[in-house]
Amino acid sequence: MLLLLRRASGEWGPPRAPAPFPRHTPPGAGRAILPVPAALGDPPQPQTLLSLCPGVSLQTGQSFKLHQPQDKVSVAAGDTLTLTCTVSTDGPLGPVKWLKAWGSRNETVYEQTGSFPRVTRVVSGSDADFSIRISDVRPEDVGTYYCVKFRTSLRGDVEFRRGKGTEVSVHFERGARSRGSRALPGLCGFPSLLPRRPCWQQQARRPQVKGEIGQH
């Protein structure tokens, strides 16, 4: 039996095959597929962070130089002490500081922020020369000084490069007076040589006692 259907045009004929269903195309088809990290909690790689900072490469800091040439310096009390330190300009982001001593008891002598009344830069504003002058040298200035380059991180400033250290000793000119006191001539030795020798010696008048030799 042949089934005939009347078409919209008015003609009669066999039924036509149904049109195929449209194929589903997922969103984003045809776009470039980016690699997916192995885990969503994976930390960003250094290459990813550096790509966000134009002009920064993986080699940053590897060729950095810090030069602290002075081994030992002796200066007269009241004079000006000059400590030399130069750095290259290809280091990481972070300050350069001068520290006295090393370890838990170190003392900041100079940094680019802060107030240090007796300390000035030899070349003000330089990014390469961090030499300093300490005026009115005192006995407490005896010690070992380090020029240190720091690297700024999320944890704060961490040491990146340190100089070899400069030992400073203070001596007194013969017959010199110190702030109204009569000072004995002497030398404040380097701390590693004479750690217990007092640096500031003052001559005090001792009262005479009866019966002392030389009394009549």
C-alpha atoms as a PDB file:
ATOM      1  CA  MET A   1       0.000   0.000   0.000  1.00  0.00           C
ATOM      2  CA  LEU A   2       1.472   3.345  -1.017  1.00  0.00           C
ATOM      3  CA  LEU A   3       0.900   6.256   1.328  1.00  0.00           C
ATOM      4  CA  LEU A   4       0.471   9.564  -0.353  1.00  0.00           C
ATOM      5  CA  LEU A   5       0.477  12.919   1.369  1.00  0.00           C
ATOM      6  CA  ARG A   6      -0.753  16.186   0.053  1.00  0.00           C
ATOM      7  CA  ARG A   7       1.983  18.819   0.145  1.00  0.00           C
ATOM      8  CA  ALA A   8       1.535  22.502   0.812  1.00  0.00           C
ATOM      9  CA  SER A   9       1.710  23.159  -2.922  1.00  0.00           C
ATOM     10  CA  GLY A  10      -1.401  21.043  -3.405  1.00  0.00           C
ATOM     11  CA  GLU A  11       0.365  18.144  -5.039  1.00  0.00           C
ATOM     12  CA  TRP A  12       0.231  14.572  -3.758  1.00  0.00           C
ATOM     13  CA  GLY A  13       3.320  12.473  -3.148  1.00  0.00           C
ATOM     14  CA  PRO A  14       5.154  10.122  -0.797  1.00  0.00           C
ATOM     15  CA  PRO A  15       6.305  11.544   2.590  1.00  0.00           C
ATOM     16  CA  ARG A  16       9.786  13.061   2.696  1.00  0.00           C
ATOM     17  CA  ALA A  17      12.559  11.902   5.061  1.00  0.00           C
ATOM     18  CA  PRO A  18      12.717  13.989   8.260  1.00  0.00           C
ATOM     19  CA  ALA A  19      15.477  16.598   8.499  1.00  0.00           C
ATOM     20  CA  PRO A  20      18.406  15.581  10.750  1.00  0.00           C
ATOM     21  CA  PHE A  21      18.574  17.083  14.232  1.00  0.00           C
ATOM     22  CA  PRO A  22      21.195  19.928  14.559  1.00  0.00           C
ATOM     23  CA  ARG A  23      24.495  18.862  16.131  1.00  0.00           C
ATOM     24  CA  HIS A  24      25.277  20.367  19.543  1.00  0.00           C
ATOM     25  CA  THR A  25      28.352  22.628  19.588  1.00  0.00           C
ATOM     26  CA  PRO A  26      29.842  23.164  23.075  1.00  0.00           C
ATOM     27  CA  PRO A  27      30.535  26.762  24.176  1.00  0.00           C
ATOM     28  CA  GLY A  28      33.989  27.998  23.263  1.00  0.00           C
ATOM     29  CA  ALA A  29      34.433  25.510  20.409  1.00  0.00           C
ATOM     30  CA  GLY A  30      37.174  26.620  18.041  1.00  0.00           C
ATOM     31  CA  ARG A  31      39.023  28.664  20.689  1.00  0.00           C
ATOM     32  CA  ALA A  32      42.586  27.964  21.830  1.00  0.00           C
ATOM     33  CA  ILE A  33      42.738  25.566  24.783  1.00  0.00           C
ATOM     34  CA  LEU A  34      44.995  26.731  27.623  1.00  0.00           C
ATOM     35  CA  PRO A  35      46.898  24.239  29.808  1.00  0.00           C
ATOM     36  CA  VAL A  36      45.207  23.539  33.135  1.00  0.00           C
ATOM     37  CA  PRO A  37      47.372  23.270  36.304  1.00  0.00           C
ATOM     38  CA  ALA A  38      47.603  19.828  37.869  1.00  0.00           C
ATOM     39  CA  ALA A  39      45.885  21.149  41.009  1.00  0.00           C
ATOM     40  CA  LEU A  40      44.025  24.332  41.740  1.00  0.00           C
ATOM     41  CA  GLY A  41      46.120  24.806  44.872  1.00  0.00           C
ATOM     42  CA  ASP A  42      49.464  24.763  43.051  1.00  0.00           C
ATOM     43  CA  PRO A  43      51.487  27.943  43.741  1.00  0.00           C
ATOM     44  CA  PRO A  44      52.344  30.149  40.743  1.00  0.00           C
ATOM     45  CA  GLN A  45      55.657  29.360  39.140  1.00  0.00           C
ATOM     46  CA  PRO A  46      58.505  31.955  39.101  1.00  0.00           C
ATOM     47  CA  GLN A  47      58.156  32.246  35.328  1.00  0.00           C
ATOM     48  CA  THR A  48      54.495  33.231  35.777  1.00  0.00           C
ATOM     49  CA  LEU A  49      55.326  35.914  38.345  1.00  0.00           C
ATOM     50  CA  LEU A  50      58.189  37.302  36.296  1.00  0.00           C
ATOM     51  CA  SER A  51      55.972  37.495  33.218  1.00  0.00           C
ATOM     52  CA  LEU A  52      53.852  39.999  35.145  1.00  0.00           C
ATOM     53  CA  CYS A  53      56.917  42.224  35.684  1.00  0.00           C
ATOM     54  CA  PRO A  54      58.263  43.517  32.369  1.00  0.00           C
ATOM     55  CA  GLY A  55      62.021  43.951  32.299  1.00  0.00           C
ATOM     56  CA  VAL A  56      62.679  41.404  35.081  1.00  0.00           C
ATOM     57  CA  SER A  57      64.461  38.191  34.176  1.00  0.00           C
ATOM     58  CA  LEU A  58      65.443  35.001  35.982  1.00  0.00           C
ATOM     59  CA  GLN A  59      69.049  36.217  35.961  1.00  0.00           C
ATOM     60  CA  THR A  60      68.300  39.194  38.238  1.00  0.00           C
ATOM     61  CA  GLY A  61      70.817  39.413  41.076  1.00  0.00           C
ATOM     62  CA  GLN A  62      73.169  36.659  39.882  1.00  0.00           C
ATOM     63  CA  SER A  63      75.758  39.176  38.699  1.00  0.00           C
ATOM     64  CA  PHE A  64      75.223  41.590  41.609  1.00  0.00           C
ATOM     65  CA  LYS A  65      78.431  42.913  43.213  1.00  0.00           C
ATOM     66  CA  LEU A  66      78.980  44.455  46.655  1.00  0.00           C
ATOM     67  CA  HIS A  67      82.428  45.863  47.450  1.00  0.00           C
ATOM     68  CA  GLN A  68      83.504  46.760  50.997  1.00  0.00           C
ATOM     69  CA  PRO A  69      87.282  47.219  50.641  1.00  0.00           C
ATOM     70  CA  GLN A  70      88.353  48.360  54.127  1.00  0.00           C
ATOM     71  CA  ASP A  71      89.592  45.681  56.537  1.00  0.00           C
ATOM     72  CA  LYS A  72      90.558  47.896  59.499  1.00  0.00           C
ATOM     73  CA  VAL A  73      90.245  51.623  60.149  1.00  0.00           C
ATOM     74  CA  SER A  74      91.677  53.625  63.054  1.00  0.00           C
ATOM     75  CA  VAL A  75      90.277  57.089  63.741  1.00  0.00           C
ATOM     76  CA  ALA A  76      90.934  59.719  66.405  1.00  0.00           C
ATOM     77  CA  ALA A  77      88.183  60.465  68.902  1.00  0.00           C
ATOM     78  CA  GLY A  78      86.133  63.447  67.770  1.00  0.00           C
ATOM     79  CA  ASP A  79      87.150  63.057  64.122  1.00  0.00           C
ATOM     80  CA  THR A  80      85.032  61.812  61.216  1.00  0.00           C
ATOM     81  CA  LEU A  81      85.041  58.137  60.205  1.00  0.00           C
ATOM     82  CA  THR A  82      84.497  57.207  56.549  1.00  0.00           C
ATOM     83  CA  LEU A  83      83.277  53.702  55.664  1.00  0.00           C
ATOM     84  CA  THR A  84      83.319  52.682  51.999  1.00  0.00           C
ATOM     85  CA  CYS A  85      80.796  50.498  50.189  1.00  0.00           C
ATOM     86  CA  THR A  86      79.771  50.337  46.524  1.00  0.00           C
ATOM     87  CA  VAL A  87      77.223  48.075  44.814  1.00  0.00           C
ATOM     88  CA  SER A  88      76.215  47.288  41.244  1.00  0.00           C
ATOM     89  CA  THR A  89      72.813  48.463  40.045  1.00  0.00           C
ATOM     90  CA  ASP A  90      71.535  45.103  38.789  1.00  0.00           C
ATOM     91  CA  GLY A  91      70.469  43.765  42.179  1.00  0.00           C
ATOM     92  CA  PRO A  92      66.971  42.811  43.347  1.00  0.00           C
ATOM     93  CA  LEU A  93      64.518  45.264  44.828  1.00  0.00           C
ATOM     94  CA  GLY A  94      65.525  46.127  48.382  1.00  0.00           C
ATOM     95  CA  PRO A  95      67.504  48.583  50.538  1.00  0.00           C
ATOM     96  CA  VAL A  96      71.201  48.804  51.432  1.00  0.00           C
ATOM     97  CA  LYS A  97      71.998  49.213  55.144  1.00  0.00           C
ATOM     98  CA  TRP A  98      75.033  49.592  57.386  1.00  0.00           C
ATOM     99  CA  LEU A  99      75.007  47.341  60.455  1.00  0.00           C
ATOM    100  CA  LYS A 100      77.346  47.317  63.440  1.00  0.00           C
ATOM    101  CA  ALA A 101      78.141  43.769  64.593  1.00  0.00           C
ATOM    102  CA  TRP A 102      76.333  40.717  63.260  1.00  0.00           C
ATOM    103  CA  GLY A 103      73.738  38.359  64.604  1.00  0.00           C
ATOM    104  CA  SER A 104      71.051  39.029  67.184  1.00  0.00           C
ATOM    105  CA  ARG A 105      72.947  41.988  68.687  1.00  0.00           C
ATOM    106  CA  ASN A 106      73.479  43.943  65.486  1.00  0.00           C
ATOM    107  CA  GLU A 107      72.709  47.654  65.439  1.00  0.00           C
ATOM    108  CA  THR A 108      71.520  49.615  62.413  1.00  0.00           C
ATOM    109  CA  VAL A 109      73.990  52.432  61.825  1.00  0.00           C
ATOM    110  CA  TYR A 110      72.433  53.726  58.610  1.00  0.00           C
ATOM    111  CA  GLU A 111      69.559  52.915  56.266  1.00  0.00           C
ATOM    112  CA  GLN A 112      67.905  54.877  53.500  1.00  0.00           C
ATOM    113  CA  THR A 113      64.877  55.635  55.657  1.00  0.00           C
ATOM    114  CA  GLY A 114      65.180  56.915  59.195  1.00  0.00           C
ATOM    115  CA  SER A 115      67.120  59.560  61.084  1.00  0.00           C
ATOM    116  CA  PHE A 116      70.810  59.133  61.957  1.00  0.00           C
ATOM    117  CA  PRO A 117      72.131  62.523  63.165  1.00  0.00           C
ATOM    118  CA  ARG A 118      75.854  61.683  63.048  1.00  0.00           C
ATOM    119  CA  VAL A 119      75.733  59.694  59.792  1.00  0.00           C
ATOM    120  CA  THR A 120      75.692  61.151  56.264  1.00  0.00           C
ATOM    121  CA  ARG A 121      76.130  59.700  52.782  1.00  0.00           C
ATOM    122  CA  VAL A 122      79.372  60.480  50.949  1.00  0.00           C
ATOM    123  CA  VAL A 123      77.447  60.629  47.652  1.00  0.00           C
ATOM    124  CA  SER A 124      73.892  61.681  48.469  1.00  0.00           C
ATOM    125  CA  GLY A 125      71.167  59.911  46.507  1.00  0.00           C
ATOM    126  CA  SER A 126      73.512  57.513  44.701  1.00  0.00           C
ATOM    127  CA  ASP A 127      72.211  54.072  43.723  1.00  0.00           C
ATOM    128  CA  ALA A 128      75.733  52.638  43.574  1.00  0.00           C
ATOM    129  CA  ASP A 129      77.852  54.372  46.248  1.00  0.00           C
ATOM    130  CA  PHE A 130      76.646  53.748  49.794  1.00  0.00           C
ATOM    131  CA  SER A 131      79.769  55.006  51.573  1.00  0.00           C
ATOM    132  CA  ILE A 132      78.995  56.862  54.799  1.00  0.00           C
ATOM    133  CA  ARG A 133      80.626  59.320  57.192  1.00  0.00           C
ATOM    134  CA  ILE A 134      80.216  59.122  60.964  1.00  0.00           C
ATOM    135  CA  SER A 135      81.037  62.438  62.632  1.00  0.00           C
ATOM    136  CA  ASP A 136      82.264  63.096  66.164  1.00  0.00           C
ATOM    137  CA  VAL A 137      83.623  59.564  66.665  1.00  0.00           C
ATOM    138  CA  ARG A 138      83.143  58.226  70.195  1.00  0.00           C
ATOM    139  CA  PRO A 139      84.468  55.212  72.128  1.00  0.00           C
ATOM    140  CA  GLU A 140      81.189  53.354  71.633  1.00  0.00           C
ATOM    141  CA  ASP A 141      81.763  53.491  67.869  1.00  0.00           C
ATOM    142  CA  VAL A 142      84.425  50.783  68.192  1.00  0.00           C
ATOM    143  CA  GLY A 143      83.261  47.607  66.466  1.00  0.00           C
ATOM    144  CA  THR A 144      82.861  45.796  63.146  1.00  0.00           C
ATOM    145  CA  TYR A 145      80.668  47.397  60.488  1.00  0.00           C
ATOM    146  CA  TYR A 146      78.937  45.562  57.634  1.00  0.00           C
ATOM    147  CA  CYS A 147      77.480  46.933  54.412  1.00  0.00           C
ATOM    148  CA  VAL A 148      74.460  44.731  53.597  1.00  0.00           C
ATOM    149  CA  LYS A 149      72.174  44.505  50.566  1.00  0.00           C
ATOM    150  CA  PHE A 150      68.660  43.280  51.375  1.00  0.00           C
ATOM    151  CA  ARG A 151      66.013  41.751  49.118  1.00  0.00           C
ATOM    152  CA  THR A 152      62.394  42.728  49.645  1.00  0.00           C
ATOM    153  CA  SER A 153      60.028  39.757  49.924  1.00  0.00           C
ATOM    154  CA  LEU A 154      56.561  38.976  51.264  1.00  0.00           C
ATOM    155  CA  ARG A 155      58.224  38.225  54.616  1.00  0.00           C
ATOM    156  CA  GLY A 156      59.986  41.589  54.687  1.00  0.00           C
ATOM    157  CA  ASP A 157      63.612  42.481  53.966  1.00  0.00           C
ATOM    158  CA  VAL A 158      65.949  39.470  53.946  1.00  0.00           C
ATOM    159  CA  GLU A 159      69.731  39.509  53.563  1.00  0.00           C
ATOM    160  CA  PHE A 160      70.864  39.145  49.960  1.00  0.00           C
ATOM    161  CA  ARG A 161      74.578  40.047  50.041  1.00  0.00           C
ATOM    162  CA  ARG A 162      76.905  41.164  52.850  1.00  0.00           C
ATOM    163  CA  GLY A 163      80.314  42.832  52.859  1.00  0.00           C
ATOM    164  CA  LYS A 164      83.315  41.271  54.601  1.00  0.00           C
ATOM    165  CA  GLY A 165      83.180  43.781  57.465  1.00  0.00           C
ATOM    166  CA  THR A 166      85.400  46.682  58.576  1.00  0.00           C
ATOM    167  CA  GLU A 167      86.927  46.739  62.085  1.00  0.00           C
ATOM    168  CA  VAL A 168      86.985  50.238  63.569  1.00  0.00           C
ATOM    169  CA  SER A 169      89.244  51.350  66.423  1.00  0.00           C
ATOM    170  CA  VAL A 170      89.331  54.730  68.183  1.00  0.00           C
ATOM    171  CA  HIS A 171      92.483  56.371  69.494  1.00  0.00           C
ATOM    172  CA  PHE A 172      93.281  59.624  71.286  1.00  0.00           C
ATOM    173  CA  GLU A 173      95.795  62.202  70.193  1.00  0.00           C
ATOM    174  CA  ARG A 174      98.494  62.848  72.810  1.00  0.00           C
ATOM    175  CA  GLY A 175      97.452  65.643  75.126  1.00  0.00           C
ATOM    176  CA  ALA A 176      93.959  65.895  73.631  1.00  0.00           C
ATOM    177  CA  ARG A 177      91.070  66.894  75.853  1.00  0.00           C
ATOM    178  CA  SER A 178      87.660  65.253  75.734  1.00  0.00           C
ATOM    179  CA  ARG A 179      84.635  67.406  76.526  1.00  0.00           C
ATOM    180  CA  GLY A 180      86.293  69.180  79.496  1.00  0.00           C
ATOM    181  CA  SER A 181      87.879  66.037  80.946  1.00  0.00           C
ATOM    182  CA  ARG A 182      91.601  65.383  81.039  1.00  0.00           C
ATOM    183  CA  ALA A 183      92.103  62.311  78.878  1.00  0.00           C
ATOM    184  CA  LEU A 184      95.151  60.095  79.077  1.00  0.00           C
ATOM    185  CA  PRO A 185      96.866  59.387  75.758  1.00  0.00           C
ATOM    186  CA  GLY A 186      96.146  55.860  74.598  1.00  0.00           C
ATOM    187  CA  LEU A 187      94.828  53.604  71.848  1.00  0.00           C
ATOM    188  CA  CYS A 188      91.504  51.818  71.784  1.00  0.00           C
ATOM    189  CA  GLY A 189      92.574  48.545  70.220  1.00  0.00           C
ATOM    190  CA  PHE A 190      90.656  46.510  67.720  1.00  0.00           C
ATOM    191  CA  PRO A 191      87.989  44.499  69.517  1.00  0.00           C
ATOM    192  CA  SER A 192      89.436  41.181  68.360  1.00  0.00           C
ATOM    193  CA  LEU A 193      92.857  42.080  69.778  1.00  0.00           C
ATOM    194  CA  LEU A 194      92.032  43.869  73.012  1.00  0.00           C
ATOM    195  CA  PRO A 195      88.424  43.013  73.888  1.00  0.00           C
ATOM    196  CA  ARG A 196      88.665  44.041  77.532  1.00  0.00           C
ATOM    197  CA  ARG A 197      90.809  47.158  77.355  1.00  0.00           C
ATOM    198  CA  PRO A 198      88.834  50.312  78.178  1.00  0.00           C
ATOM    199  CA  CYS A 199      88.816  52.855  75.375  1.00  0.00           C
ATOM    200  CA  TRP A 200      87.979  56.009  77.286  1.00  0.00           C
ATOM    201  CA  GLN A 201      90.524  56.717  79.987  1.00  0.00           C
ATOM    202  CA  GLN A 202      90.169  59.786  82.162  1.00  0.00           C
ATOM    203  CA  GLN A 203      92.640  61.104  84.679  1.00  0.00           C
ATOM    204  CA  ALA A 204      91.032  61.946  88.013  1.00  0.00           C
ATOM    205  CA  ARG A 205      92.685  63.682  90.909  1.00  0.00           C
ATOM    206  CA  ARG A 206      93.064  61.241  93.804  1.00  0.00           C
ATOM    207  CA  PRO A 207      92.843  62.807  97.263  1.00  0.00           C
ATOM    208  CA  GLN A 208      96.007  62.467  99.285  1.00  0.00           C
ATOM    209  CA  VAL A 209      95.844  60.441 102.473  1.00  0.00           C
ATOM    210  CA  LYS A 210      97.940  61.169 105.578  1.00  0.00           C
ATOM    211  CA  GLY A 211     100.747  58.767 106.083  1.00  0.00           C
ATOM    212  CA  GLU A 212     101.139  58.245 102.343  1.00  0.00           C
ATOM    213  CA  ILE A 213     104.691  58.090 101.000  1.00  0.00           C
ATOM    214  CA  GLY A 214     105.933  61.559 100.228  1.00  0.00           C
ATOM    215  CA  GLN A 215     103.998  63.213 103.089  1.00  0.00           C
ATOM    216  CA  HIS A 216     105.964  65.037 105.817  1.00  0.00           C
END
